[in-house]
Amino acid sequence: MSVLGDLIDFFSKLPNLGPRSARRIVLHLLKNKEKLIPYITSSLDNLKSSLTFCQKCGNVDTSSPCGICTSEKRKAEKVCVVEDVGDLWAIEKSKAYNGHYHVLGGVLSAIDGIGPDELNLSSLFKRMKNNDIKEVILATNATVEGQITAQFIADSCEKNNILVTRLAQGIPIGGELDNLDYNTLSTAFSSRSEMKTNL
């Protein structure tokens, strides 16, 4: 039972998984061990040997610099700053952006002891000085830590004559006002923009 217990304990420490979910995963693996375990082992080996973090932006790819950084079709003068690789993937899936990225690897958090030195910030500032970056798009999450991190980066960009923008925040498409929290409504009002007419 200690092997199962150790495995459940391991899975329960993964993001968004608790002891119940971990237990279900381990039992599912046990029931299908002949098929799933060799596949998972092989996939993890491939993950370890084939994938790497891009030295330039922090993305995950089979090479460094990554495919996004080396693509000639993307606008190198625009850099979208995100917290994690998962955020980069979400933006890519939307097909709403065609510039470069910079992955911070987290957010500033005094409670967790995460300062500027713990994030991928120095390489971002170096990119700003060395490259022809015209716009930095701050796409950190709308949390207190995300806002603080965005403000820190914006303040650091002031000397470099770079346009700093922030993703619009507020009411989601399909959202109803009476279902929104007060912070979202407040942000929606402060981020409001002019509505163009079709006339």
N, C-alpha and C. Protein backbone atom coordinates (compact mmCIF):
# COMPACT_ATOMS: atom_id res chain seq x y z
N MET A 1 0.83 -1.21 0.00
CA MET A 1 0.00 0.00 0.00
C MET A 1 0.86 1.26 0.00
N SER A 2 2.11 1.18 0.48
CA SER A 2 2.96 2.37 0.53
C SER A 2 3.26 2.90 -0.87
N VAL A 3 3.37 2.01 -1.88
CA VAL A 3 3.61 2.45 -3.26
C VAL A 3 2.42 3.25 -3.75
N LEU A 4 1.21 2.75 -3.51
CA LEU A 4 0.00 3.47 -3.91
C LEU A 4 -0.12 4.79 -3.14
N GLY A 5 0.15 4.73 -1.86
CA GLY A 5 0.08 5.93 -1.01
C GLY A 5 1.04 7.01 -1.48
N ASP A 6 2.27 6.60 -1.82
CA ASP A 6 3.27 7.55 -2.31
C ASP A 6 2.84 8.19 -3.63
N LEU A 7 2.25 7.33 -4.50
CA LEU A 7 1.80 7.82 -5.81
C LEU A 7 0.63 8.78 -5.66
N ILE A 8 -0.31 8.45 -4.79
CA ILE A 8 -1.46 9.34 -4.52
C ILE A 8 -0.97 10.67 -3.95
N ASP A 9 -0.01 10.58 -3.04
CA ASP A 9 0.56 11.79 -2.44
C ASP A 9 1.24 12.65 -3.49
N PHE A 10 1.95 12.00 -4.43
CA PHE A 10 2.64 12.72 -5.50
C PHE A 10 1.63 13.45 -6.39
N PHE A 11 0.61 12.72 -6.86
CA PHE A 11 -0.39 13.33 -7.75
C PHE A 11 -1.17 14.44 -7.05
N SER A 12 -1.43 14.28 -5.77
CA SER A 12 -2.23 15.28 -5.04
C SER A 12 -1.49 16.62 -4.92
N LYS A 13 -0.16 16.60 -5.12
CA LYS A 13 0.62 17.84 -5.05
C LYS A 13 0.70 18.56 -6.40
N LEU A 14 0.18 17.94 -7.45
CA LEU A 14 0.17 18.59 -8.76
C LEU A 14 -0.90 19.68 -8.79
N PRO A 15 -0.72 20.71 -9.63
CA PRO A 15 -1.68 21.82 -9.67
C PRO A 15 -3.10 21.34 -9.95
N ASN A 16 -4.05 21.90 -9.20
CA ASN A 16 -5.49 21.64 -9.36
C ASN A 16 -5.91 20.20 -9.05
N LEU A 17 -5.05 19.44 -8.41
CA LEU A 17 -5.42 18.08 -8.01
C LEU A 17 -5.38 17.97 -6.49
N GLY A 18 -6.40 17.37 -5.93
CA GLY A 18 -6.43 17.12 -4.50
C GLY A 18 -6.32 15.62 -4.25
N PRO A 19 -6.41 15.18 -2.99
CA PRO A 19 -6.30 13.75 -2.67
C PRO A 19 -7.33 12.87 -3.37
N ARG A 20 -8.57 13.34 -3.50
CA ARG A 20 -9.60 12.53 -4.16
C ARG A 20 -9.30 12.31 -5.64
N SER A 21 -8.97 13.40 -6.33
CA SER A 21 -8.64 13.29 -7.76
C SER A 21 -7.40 12.41 -7.95
N ALA A 22 -6.42 12.58 -7.07
CA ALA A 22 -5.20 11.79 -7.15
C ALA A 22 -5.50 10.31 -6.96
N ARG A 23 -6.38 10.00 -6.03
CA ARG A 23 -6.76 8.61 -5.77
C ARG A 23 -7.45 8.00 -6.99
N ARG A 24 -8.34 8.78 -7.62
CA ARG A 24 -9.04 8.29 -8.82
C ARG A 24 -8.05 8.02 -9.96
N ILE A 25 -7.08 8.92 -10.14
CA ILE A 25 -6.08 8.76 -11.20
C ILE A 25 -5.27 7.48 -10.97
N VAL A 26 -4.81 7.30 -9.73
CA VAL A 26 -3.97 6.13 -9.42
C VAL A 26 -4.76 4.83 -9.60
N LEU A 27 -6.01 4.81 -9.17
CA LEU A 27 -6.84 3.60 -9.35
C LEU A 27 -7.10 3.33 -10.82
N HIS A 28 -7.30 4.38 -11.61
CA HIS A 28 -7.50 4.22 -13.05
C HIS A 28 -6.23 3.65 -13.70
N LEU A 29 -5.07 4.17 -13.29
CA LEU A 29 -3.80 3.64 -13.81
C LEU A 29 -3.62 2.18 -13.44
N LEU A 30 -4.00 1.84 -12.22
CA LEU A 30 -3.87 0.46 -11.74
C LEU A 30 -4.75 -0.49 -12.54
N LYS A 31 -5.98 -0.05 -12.83
CA LYS A 31 -6.92 -0.89 -13.59
C LYS A 31 -6.46 -1.09 -15.03
N ASN A 32 -5.74 -0.10 -15.57
CA ASN A 32 -5.30 -0.15 -16.98
C ASN A 32 -3.78 -0.15 -17.09
N LYS A 33 -3.12 -0.78 -16.12
CA LYS A 33 -1.65 -0.66 -16.03
C LYS A 33 -0.91 -1.21 -17.23
N GLU A 34 -1.41 -2.27 -17.86
CA GLU A 34 -0.70 -2.86 -19.00
C GLU A 34 -0.66 -1.92 -20.20
N LYS A 35 -1.72 -1.13 -20.35
CA LYS A 35 -1.81 -0.23 -21.50
C LYS A 35 -1.27 1.17 -21.19
N LEU A 36 -1.65 1.72 -20.03
CA LEU A 36 -1.34 3.11 -19.74
C LEU A 36 0.08 3.36 -19.23
N ILE A 37 0.56 2.51 -18.34
CA ILE A 37 1.86 2.78 -17.71
C ILE A 37 3.01 2.78 -18.71
N PRO A 38 3.08 1.80 -19.66
CA PRO A 38 4.17 1.90 -20.66
C PRO A 38 4.06 3.17 -21.52
N TYR A 39 2.82 3.55 -21.85
CA TYR A 39 2.61 4.76 -22.66
C TYR A 39 3.07 6.01 -21.91
N ILE A 40 2.68 6.10 -20.64
CA ILE A 40 3.06 7.26 -19.82
C ILE A 40 4.58 7.31 -19.63
N THR A 41 5.18 6.17 -19.36
CA THR A 41 6.65 6.10 -19.18
C THR A 41 7.37 6.58 -20.43
N SER A 42 6.90 6.09 -21.59
CA SER A 42 7.51 6.49 -22.87
C SER A 42 7.33 7.99 -23.12
N SER A 43 6.13 8.49 -22.83
CA SER A 43 5.85 9.92 -23.05
C SER A 43 6.71 10.80 -22.14
N LEU A 44 6.89 10.38 -20.89
CA LEU A 44 7.73 11.15 -19.96
C LEU A 44 9.19 11.15 -20.38
N ASP A 45 9.66 10.01 -20.91
CA ASP A 45 11.03 9.94 -21.42
C ASP A 45 11.21 10.90 -22.59
N ASN A 46 10.21 10.92 -23.49
CA ASN A 46 10.27 11.84 -24.65
C ASN A 46 10.23 13.29 -24.20
N LEU A 47 9.40 13.55 -23.19
CA LEU A 47 9.29 14.90 -22.63
C LEU A 47 10.65 15.37 -22.10
N LYS A 48 11.31 14.47 -21.39
CA LYS A 48 12.61 14.80 -20.78
C LYS A 48 13.69 15.01 -21.83
N SER A 49 13.69 14.18 -22.87
CA SER A 49 14.79 14.23 -23.85
C SER A 49 14.53 15.19 -25.01
N SER A 50 13.26 15.40 -25.37
CA SER A 50 12.95 16.16 -26.59
C SER A 50 12.63 17.63 -26.36
N LEU A 51 12.02 17.95 -25.22
CA LEU A 51 11.55 19.32 -25.01
C LEU A 51 12.51 20.14 -24.15
N THR A 52 12.55 21.43 -24.44
CA THR A 52 13.43 22.33 -23.69
C THR A 52 12.76 23.70 -23.58
N PHE A 53 13.24 24.52 -22.67
CA PHE A 53 12.74 25.89 -22.54
C PHE A 53 13.53 26.80 -23.46
N CYS A 54 12.81 27.65 -24.18
CA CYS A 54 13.45 28.60 -25.09
C CYS A 54 14.27 29.60 -24.27
N GLN A 55 15.54 29.76 -24.65
CA GLN A 55 16.44 30.67 -23.94
C GLN A 55 16.03 32.13 -24.10
N LYS A 56 15.31 32.41 -25.19
CA LYS A 56 14.94 33.79 -25.49
C LYS A 56 13.65 34.21 -24.78
N CYS A 57 12.58 33.37 -24.90
CA CYS A 57 11.28 33.80 -24.39
C CYS A 57 10.73 32.96 -23.25
N GLY A 58 11.27 31.74 -23.04
CA GLY A 58 10.78 30.89 -21.96
C GLY A 58 9.71 29.91 -22.38
N ASN A 59 9.36 29.87 -23.67
CA ASN A 59 8.38 28.91 -24.19
C ASN A 59 8.96 27.50 -24.15
N VAL A 60 8.10 26.49 -24.27
CA VAL A 60 8.55 25.10 -24.34
C VAL A 60 8.48 24.65 -25.79
N ASP A 61 9.58 24.08 -26.29
CA ASP A 61 9.63 23.61 -27.68
C ASP A 61 10.70 22.54 -27.80
N THR A 62 10.86 22.01 -29.02
CA THR A 62 11.91 21.00 -29.25
C THR A 62 13.26 21.63 -29.51
N SER A 63 13.28 22.95 -29.70
CA SER A 63 14.55 23.64 -29.94
C SER A 63 14.54 24.99 -29.26
N SER A 64 15.74 25.55 -29.09
CA SER A 64 15.88 26.88 -28.52
C SER A 64 16.85 27.68 -29.39
N PRO A 65 16.44 28.83 -29.92
CA PRO A 65 15.16 29.50 -29.75
C PRO A 65 14.01 28.69 -30.35
N CYS A 66 12.80 28.96 -29.83
CA CYS A 66 11.62 28.19 -30.22
C CYS A 66 11.10 28.61 -31.59
N GLY A 67 10.11 27.87 -32.08
CA GLY A 67 9.52 28.13 -33.39
C GLY A 67 8.88 29.50 -33.51
N ILE A 68 8.33 30.00 -32.40
CA ILE A 68 7.70 31.33 -32.42
C ILE A 68 8.77 32.40 -32.57
N CYS A 69 9.85 32.29 -31.81
CA CYS A 69 10.93 33.28 -31.85
C CYS A 69 11.64 33.32 -33.21
N THR A 70 11.71 32.18 -33.88
CA THR A 70 12.44 32.13 -35.16
C THR A 70 11.55 32.34 -36.38
N SER A 71 10.24 32.41 -36.17
CA SER A 71 9.32 32.58 -37.30
C SER A 71 9.42 33.98 -37.90
N GLU A 72 9.59 34.05 -39.21
CA GLU A 72 9.68 35.34 -39.91
C GLU A 72 8.30 35.94 -40.14
N LYS A 73 7.25 35.16 -39.92
CA LYS A 73 5.88 35.64 -40.14
C LYS A 73 5.35 36.43 -38.95
N ARG A 74 6.07 36.37 -37.83
CA ARG A 74 5.59 37.03 -36.62
C ARG A 74 6.23 38.39 -36.45
N LYS A 75 5.52 39.30 -35.80
CA LYS A 75 6.00 40.67 -35.60
C LYS A 75 6.92 40.73 -34.38
N ALA A 76 8.22 40.84 -34.65
CA ALA A 76 9.22 40.82 -33.58
C ALA A 76 9.19 42.09 -32.74
N GLU A 77 8.59 43.18 -33.26
CA GLU A 77 8.57 44.43 -32.50
C GLU A 77 7.51 44.43 -31.40
N LYS A 78 6.67 43.39 -31.37
CA LYS A 78 5.65 43.26 -30.32
C LYS A 78 5.99 42.07 -29.43
N VAL A 79 5.97 42.29 -28.12
CA VAL A 79 6.25 41.22 -27.16
C VAL A 79 5.11 41.15 -26.15
N CYS A 80 4.47 39.99 -26.08
CA CYS A 80 3.38 39.77 -25.13
C CYS A 80 3.95 39.06 -23.90
N VAL A 81 3.81 39.68 -22.74
CA VAL A 81 4.35 39.14 -21.50
C VAL A 81 3.26 38.34 -20.78
N VAL A 82 3.54 37.05 -20.53
CA VAL A 82 2.58 36.18 -19.86
C VAL A 82 3.22 35.57 -18.61
N GLU A 83 2.37 35.06 -17.73
CA GLU A 83 2.88 34.47 -16.48
C GLU A 83 3.50 33.11 -16.73
N ASP A 84 2.78 32.24 -17.44
CA ASP A 84 3.23 30.86 -17.63
C ASP A 84 3.04 30.41 -19.08
N VAL A 85 3.66 29.29 -19.41
CA VAL A 85 3.56 28.73 -20.76
C VAL A 85 2.11 28.42 -21.12
N GLY A 86 1.32 28.00 -20.14
CA GLY A 86 -0.09 27.70 -20.39
C GLY A 86 -0.85 28.92 -20.91
N ASP A 87 -0.48 30.12 -20.43
CA ASP A 87 -1.10 31.36 -20.90
C ASP A 87 -0.72 31.62 -22.36
N LEU A 88 0.54 31.35 -22.69
CA LEU A 88 1.02 31.49 -24.07
C LEU A 88 0.21 30.58 -24.99
N TRP A 89 0.04 29.32 -24.58
CA TRP A 89 -0.72 28.36 -25.39
C TRP A 89 -2.15 28.82 -25.59
N ALA A 90 -2.76 29.38 -24.54
CA ALA A 90 -4.15 29.86 -24.64
C ALA A 90 -4.27 30.98 -25.67
N ILE A 91 -3.31 31.91 -25.66
CA ILE A 91 -3.33 33.02 -26.62
C ILE A 91 -3.11 32.50 -28.03
N GLU A 92 -2.17 31.57 -28.18
CA GLU A 92 -1.91 30.98 -29.49
C GLU A 92 -3.14 30.28 -30.05
N LYS A 93 -3.87 29.59 -29.19
CA LYS A 93 -5.08 28.88 -29.61
C LYS A 93 -6.13 29.86 -30.11
N SER A 94 -6.16 31.06 -29.54
CA SER A 94 -7.15 32.07 -29.95
C SER A 94 -6.84 32.66 -31.33
N LYS A 95 -5.60 32.52 -31.78
CA LYS A 95 -5.14 33.10 -33.05
C LYS A 95 -5.36 34.62 -33.12
N ALA A 96 -5.36 35.26 -31.97
CA ALA A 96 -5.62 36.70 -31.90
C ALA A 96 -4.34 37.53 -31.91
N TYR A 97 -3.18 36.88 -31.89
CA TYR A 97 -1.91 37.61 -31.72
C TYR A 97 -0.85 36.99 -32.62
N ASN A 98 -0.03 37.83 -33.24
CA ASN A 98 1.00 37.30 -34.15
C ASN A 98 2.39 37.88 -33.88
N GLY A 99 2.64 38.26 -32.62
CA GLY A 99 3.95 38.78 -32.25
C GLY A 99 4.76 37.75 -31.49
N HIS A 100 5.74 38.23 -30.74
CA HIS A 100 6.59 37.36 -29.92
C HIS A 100 6.06 37.35 -28.48
N TYR A 101 6.66 36.51 -27.64
CA TYR A 101 6.23 36.35 -26.25
C TYR A 101 7.40 36.48 -25.30
N HIS A 102 7.05 36.62 -24.02
CA HIS A 102 8.04 36.49 -22.95
C HIS A 102 7.33 35.87 -21.75
N VAL A 103 7.80 34.70 -21.33
CA VAL A 103 7.18 33.97 -20.22
C VAL A 103 7.92 34.29 -18.92
N LEU A 104 7.20 34.82 -17.94
CA LEU A 104 7.82 35.23 -16.67
C LEU A 104 8.13 34.05 -15.75
N GLY A 105 7.31 33.02 -15.82
CA GLY A 105 7.48 31.88 -14.91
C GLY A 105 6.86 32.13 -13.55
N GLY A 106 5.85 33.01 -13.49
CA GLY A 106 5.17 33.31 -12.23
C GLY A 106 4.86 34.79 -12.11
N VAL A 107 4.55 35.21 -10.90
CA VAL A 107 4.25 36.63 -10.63
C VAL A 107 4.95 37.06 -9.34
N LEU A 108 5.10 38.35 -9.18
CA LEU A 108 5.67 38.88 -7.95
C LEU A 108 4.71 38.60 -6.78
N SER A 109 5.25 38.08 -5.70
CA SER A 109 4.42 37.77 -4.54
C SER A 109 5.27 37.83 -3.28
N ALA A 110 5.06 38.88 -2.48
CA ALA A 110 5.82 39.05 -1.24
C ALA A 110 5.53 37.92 -0.26
N ILE A 111 4.28 37.46 -0.23
CA ILE A 111 3.89 36.39 0.70
C ILE A 111 4.64 35.10 0.40
N ASP A 112 4.81 34.80 -0.89
CA ASP A 112 5.50 33.58 -1.30
C ASP A 112 7.01 33.78 -1.47
N GLY A 113 7.48 34.98 -1.18
CA GLY A 113 8.92 35.25 -1.30
C GLY A 113 9.41 35.30 -2.74
N ILE A 114 8.52 35.68 -3.67
CA ILE A 114 8.91 35.76 -5.09
C ILE A 114 9.11 37.22 -5.46
N GLY A 115 10.37 37.57 -5.67
CA GLY A 115 10.73 38.93 -6.08
C GLY A 115 11.15 38.95 -7.53
N PRO A 116 11.59 40.10 -8.04
CA PRO A 116 12.01 40.21 -9.44
C PRO A 116 13.10 39.22 -9.84
N ASP A 117 14.00 38.89 -8.90
CA ASP A 117 15.10 37.97 -9.23
C ASP A 117 14.64 36.54 -9.44
N GLU A 118 13.46 36.20 -8.91
CA GLU A 118 12.94 34.84 -9.05
C GLU A 118 12.17 34.65 -10.36
N LEU A 119 11.89 35.75 -11.06
CA LEU A 119 11.15 35.68 -12.31
C LEU A 119 12.08 35.92 -13.50
N ASN A 120 11.58 35.62 -14.68
CA ASN A 120 12.35 35.79 -15.91
C ASN A 120 12.23 37.25 -16.38
N LEU A 121 12.64 38.17 -15.51
CA LEU A 121 12.50 39.60 -15.80
C LEU A 121 13.76 40.23 -16.39
N SER A 122 14.92 39.84 -15.88
CA SER A 122 16.16 40.47 -16.35
C SER A 122 16.35 40.24 -17.84
N SER A 123 15.97 39.04 -18.33
CA SER A 123 16.12 38.77 -19.76
C SER A 123 15.11 39.58 -20.59
N LEU A 124 13.94 39.88 -19.99
CA LEU A 124 12.95 40.73 -20.68
C LEU A 124 13.51 42.14 -20.84
N PHE A 125 14.08 42.68 -19.76
CA PHE A 125 14.64 44.04 -19.82
C PHE A 125 15.83 44.09 -20.78
N LYS A 126 16.58 43.00 -20.85
CA LYS A 126 17.71 42.93 -21.77
C LYS A 126 17.20 42.94 -23.22
N ARG A 127 16.10 42.22 -23.47
CA ARG A 127 15.51 42.21 -24.81
C ARG A 127 15.06 43.61 -25.21
N MET A 128 14.54 44.34 -24.26
CA MET A 128 14.07 45.70 -24.55
C MET A 128 15.22 46.62 -24.96
N LYS A 129 16.36 46.44 -24.34
CA LYS A 129 17.51 47.29 -24.64
C LYS A 129 18.18 46.88 -25.95
N ASN A 130 18.26 45.56 -26.21
CA ASN A 130 19.01 45.06 -27.36
C ASN A 130 18.21 45.00 -28.65
N ASN A 131 16.87 44.86 -28.55
CA ASN A 131 16.05 44.66 -29.74
C ASN A 131 15.26 45.91 -30.09
N ASP A 132 14.61 45.86 -31.25
CA ASP A 132 13.76 46.96 -31.69
C ASP A 132 12.32 46.71 -31.27
N ILE A 133 12.12 46.54 -29.97
CA ILE A 133 10.77 46.30 -29.45
C ILE A 133 10.05 47.63 -29.35
N LYS A 134 8.86 47.70 -29.97
CA LYS A 134 8.08 48.94 -29.97
C LYS A 134 6.90 48.87 -29.00
N GLU A 135 6.42 47.65 -28.75
CA GLU A 135 5.27 47.50 -27.84
C GLU A 135 5.43 46.28 -26.95
N VAL A 136 5.16 46.48 -25.66
CA VAL A 136 5.10 45.38 -24.70
C VAL A 136 3.65 45.26 -24.25
N ILE A 137 3.06 44.09 -24.50
CA ILE A 137 1.67 43.83 -24.13
C ILE A 137 1.66 43.01 -22.85
N LEU A 138 1.14 43.58 -21.78
CA LEU A 138 1.12 42.89 -20.49
C LEU A 138 -0.15 42.04 -20.40
N ALA A 139 0.05 40.72 -20.37
CA ALA A 139 -1.07 39.78 -20.35
C ALA A 139 -1.03 38.92 -19.08
N THR A 140 -0.64 39.55 -17.97
CA THR A 140 -0.68 38.83 -16.69
C THR A 140 -2.13 38.73 -16.24
N ASN A 141 -2.41 37.77 -15.36
CA ASN A 141 -3.79 37.55 -14.91
C ASN A 141 -4.31 38.73 -14.10
N ALA A 142 -5.64 38.82 -14.02
CA ALA A 142 -6.28 39.93 -13.31
C ALA A 142 -6.39 39.65 -11.82
N THR A 143 -5.27 39.22 -11.23
CA THR A 143 -5.18 39.01 -9.78
C THR A 143 -4.37 40.16 -9.19
N VAL A 144 -4.35 40.26 -7.88
CA VAL A 144 -3.55 41.31 -7.24
C VAL A 144 -2.09 41.17 -7.64
N GLU A 145 -1.58 39.93 -7.58
CA GLU A 145 -0.17 39.68 -7.93
C GLU A 145 0.09 39.98 -9.41
N GLY A 146 -0.87 39.61 -10.27
CA GLY A 146 -0.73 39.88 -11.70
C GLY A 146 -0.69 41.36 -11.99
N GLN A 147 -1.54 42.13 -11.28
CA GLN A 147 -1.57 43.58 -11.45
C GLN A 147 -0.27 44.23 -10.97
N ILE A 148 0.23 43.76 -9.82
CA ILE A 148 1.48 44.30 -9.28
C ILE A 148 2.64 44.03 -10.23
N THR A 149 2.68 42.80 -10.77
CA THR A 149 3.74 42.42 -11.71
C THR A 149 3.67 43.28 -12.97
N ALA A 150 2.45 43.47 -13.49
CA ALA A 150 2.27 44.30 -14.69
C ALA A 150 2.73 45.73 -14.43
N GLN A 151 2.39 46.27 -13.27
CA GLN A 151 2.78 47.64 -12.94
C GLN A 151 4.30 47.77 -12.80
N PHE A 152 4.93 46.74 -12.21
CA PHE A 152 6.39 46.74 -12.05
C PHE A 152 7.07 46.78 -13.43
N ILE A 153 6.56 45.97 -14.36
CA ILE A 153 7.14 45.94 -15.71
C ILE A 153 6.89 47.27 -16.42
N ALA A 154 5.67 47.81 -16.29
CA ALA A 154 5.34 49.08 -16.93
C ALA A 154 6.27 50.20 -16.43
N ASP A 155 6.50 50.22 -15.12
CA ASP A 155 7.38 51.24 -14.54
C ASP A 155 8.81 51.08 -15.06
N SER A 156 9.23 49.85 -15.27
CA SER A 156 10.59 49.58 -15.75
C SER A 156 10.76 49.92 -17.22
N CYS A 157 9.65 49.98 -17.98
CA CYS A 157 9.70 50.29 -19.41
C CYS A 157 9.74 51.78 -19.68
N GLU A 158 9.49 52.58 -18.67
CA GLU A 158 9.31 54.02 -18.85
C GLU A 158 10.50 54.68 -19.53
N LYS A 159 11.71 54.25 -19.18
CA LYS A 159 12.91 54.88 -19.73
C LYS A 159 13.19 54.47 -21.17
N ASN A 160 12.62 53.36 -21.61
CA ASN A 160 12.98 52.79 -22.92
C ASN A 160 12.14 53.29 -24.08
N ASN A 161 11.22 54.23 -23.85
CA ASN A 161 10.35 54.75 -24.91
C ASN A 161 9.61 53.64 -25.65
N ILE A 162 9.08 52.68 -24.89
CA ILE A 162 8.33 51.56 -25.45
C ILE A 162 6.86 51.72 -25.05
N LEU A 163 5.97 51.51 -26.02
CA LEU A 163 4.54 51.55 -25.74
C LEU A 163 4.19 50.34 -24.88
N VAL A 164 3.58 50.58 -23.73
CA VAL A 164 3.17 49.49 -22.84
C VAL A 164 1.65 49.44 -22.81
N THR A 165 1.09 48.29 -23.19
CA THR A 165 -0.36 48.12 -23.18
C THR A 165 -0.73 46.95 -22.27
N ARG A 166 -1.98 46.95 -21.87
CA ARG A 166 -2.49 45.88 -20.99
C ARG A 166 -3.72 45.30 -21.65
N LEU A 167 -3.90 43.99 -21.57
CA LEU A 167 -5.10 43.38 -22.14
C LEU A 167 -6.33 43.97 -21.48
N ALA A 168 -7.35 44.24 -22.28
CA ALA A 168 -8.61 44.76 -21.73
C ALA A 168 -9.22 43.74 -20.78
N GLN A 169 -9.82 44.24 -19.72
CA GLN A 169 -10.42 43.36 -18.73
C GLN A 169 -11.83 43.84 -18.43
N GLY A 170 -12.66 42.94 -18.00
CA GLY A 170 -14.01 43.34 -17.64
C GLY A 170 -15.03 42.28 -17.97
N ILE A 171 -16.12 42.69 -18.61
CA ILE A 171 -17.26 41.79 -18.84
C ILE A 171 -16.93 40.81 -19.97
N PRO A 172 -17.02 39.51 -19.71
CA PRO A 172 -16.76 38.53 -20.77
C PRO A 172 -17.92 38.47 -21.75
N ILE A 173 -17.66 38.03 -22.98
CA ILE A 173 -18.71 37.88 -23.97
C ILE A 173 -19.73 36.86 -23.46
N GLY A 174 -20.99 37.22 -23.48
CA GLY A 174 -22.04 36.34 -22.98
C GLY A 174 -22.30 36.52 -21.49
N GLY A 175 -21.51 37.38 -20.84
CA GLY A 175 -21.67 37.59 -19.40
C GLY A 175 -22.86 38.49 -19.09
N GLU A 176 -23.54 38.23 -17.99
CA GLU A 176 -24.66 39.05 -17.55
C GLU A 176 -24.24 39.82 -16.31
N LEU A 177 -24.65 41.09 -16.25
CA LEU A 177 -24.18 41.98 -15.19
C LEU A 177 -24.47 41.46 -13.79
N ASP A 178 -25.65 40.88 -13.58
CA ASP A 178 -25.99 40.46 -12.22
C ASP A 178 -25.22 39.21 -11.77
N ASN A 179 -24.49 38.58 -12.70
CA ASN A 179 -23.68 37.41 -12.33
C ASN A 179 -22.21 37.76 -12.09
N LEU A 180 -21.83 39.01 -12.34
CA LEU A 180 -20.42 39.40 -12.22
C LEU A 180 -20.09 39.90 -10.82
N ASP A 181 -18.84 39.68 -10.41
CA ASP A 181 -18.40 40.21 -9.12
C ASP A 181 -18.11 41.70 -9.27
N TYR A 182 -18.04 42.39 -8.12
CA TYR A 182 -17.88 43.85 -8.13
C TYR A 182 -16.55 44.29 -8.74
N ASN A 183 -15.49 43.52 -8.51
CA ASN A 183 -14.18 43.89 -9.08
C ASN A 183 -14.20 43.87 -10.60
N THR A 184 -14.87 42.84 -11.18
CA THR A 184 -14.97 42.75 -12.63
C THR A 184 -15.76 43.93 -13.19
N LEU A 185 -16.86 44.27 -12.52
CA LEU A 185 -17.67 45.41 -12.96
C LEU A 185 -16.89 46.72 -12.87
N SER A 186 -16.15 46.88 -11.78
CA SER A 186 -15.37 48.09 -11.58
C SER A 186 -14.31 48.22 -12.67
N THR A 187 -13.62 47.10 -12.99
CA THR A 187 -12.59 47.10 -14.03
C THR A 187 -13.22 47.38 -15.39
N ALA A 188 -14.39 46.82 -15.63
CA ALA A 188 -15.08 47.04 -16.90
C ALA A 188 -15.40 48.53 -17.10
N PHE A 189 -15.81 49.21 -16.02
CA PHE A 189 -16.11 50.63 -16.13
C PHE A 189 -14.85 51.44 -16.36
N SER A 190 -13.78 51.14 -15.64
CA SER A 190 -12.55 51.93 -15.79
C SER A 190 -11.84 51.63 -17.12
N SER A 191 -12.12 50.47 -17.72
CA SER A 191 -11.48 50.10 -19.00
C SER A 191 -12.37 50.37 -20.20
N ARG A 192 -13.50 51.05 -19.99
CA ARG A 192 -14.43 51.25 -21.09
C ARG A 192 -13.78 52.06 -22.21
N SER A 193 -14.23 51.81 -23.44
CA SER A 193 -13.69 52.50 -24.61
C SER A 193 -14.83 53.02 -25.48
N GLU A 194 -14.50 53.91 -26.39
CA GLU A 194 -15.51 54.50 -27.25
C GLU A 194 -16.11 53.46 -28.18
N MET A 195 -17.42 53.51 -28.33
CA MET A 195 -18.09 52.58 -29.21
C MET A 195 -18.27 53.25 -30.57
N LYS A 196 -17.69 52.65 -31.59
CA LYS A 196 -17.74 53.22 -32.95
C LYS A 196 -19.09 52.93 -33.59
N THR A 197 -19.58 53.85 -34.39
CA THR A 197 -20.84 53.63 -35.11
C THR A 197 -20.55 53.09 -36.50
N ASN A 198 -21.55 52.42 -37.05
CA ASN A 198 -21.41 51.86 -38.41
C ASN A 198 -21.92 52.81 -39.48
N LEU A 199 -22.27 54.04 -39.09
CA LEU A 199 -22.84 55.00 -40.06
C LEU A 199 -21.75 55.63 -40.90
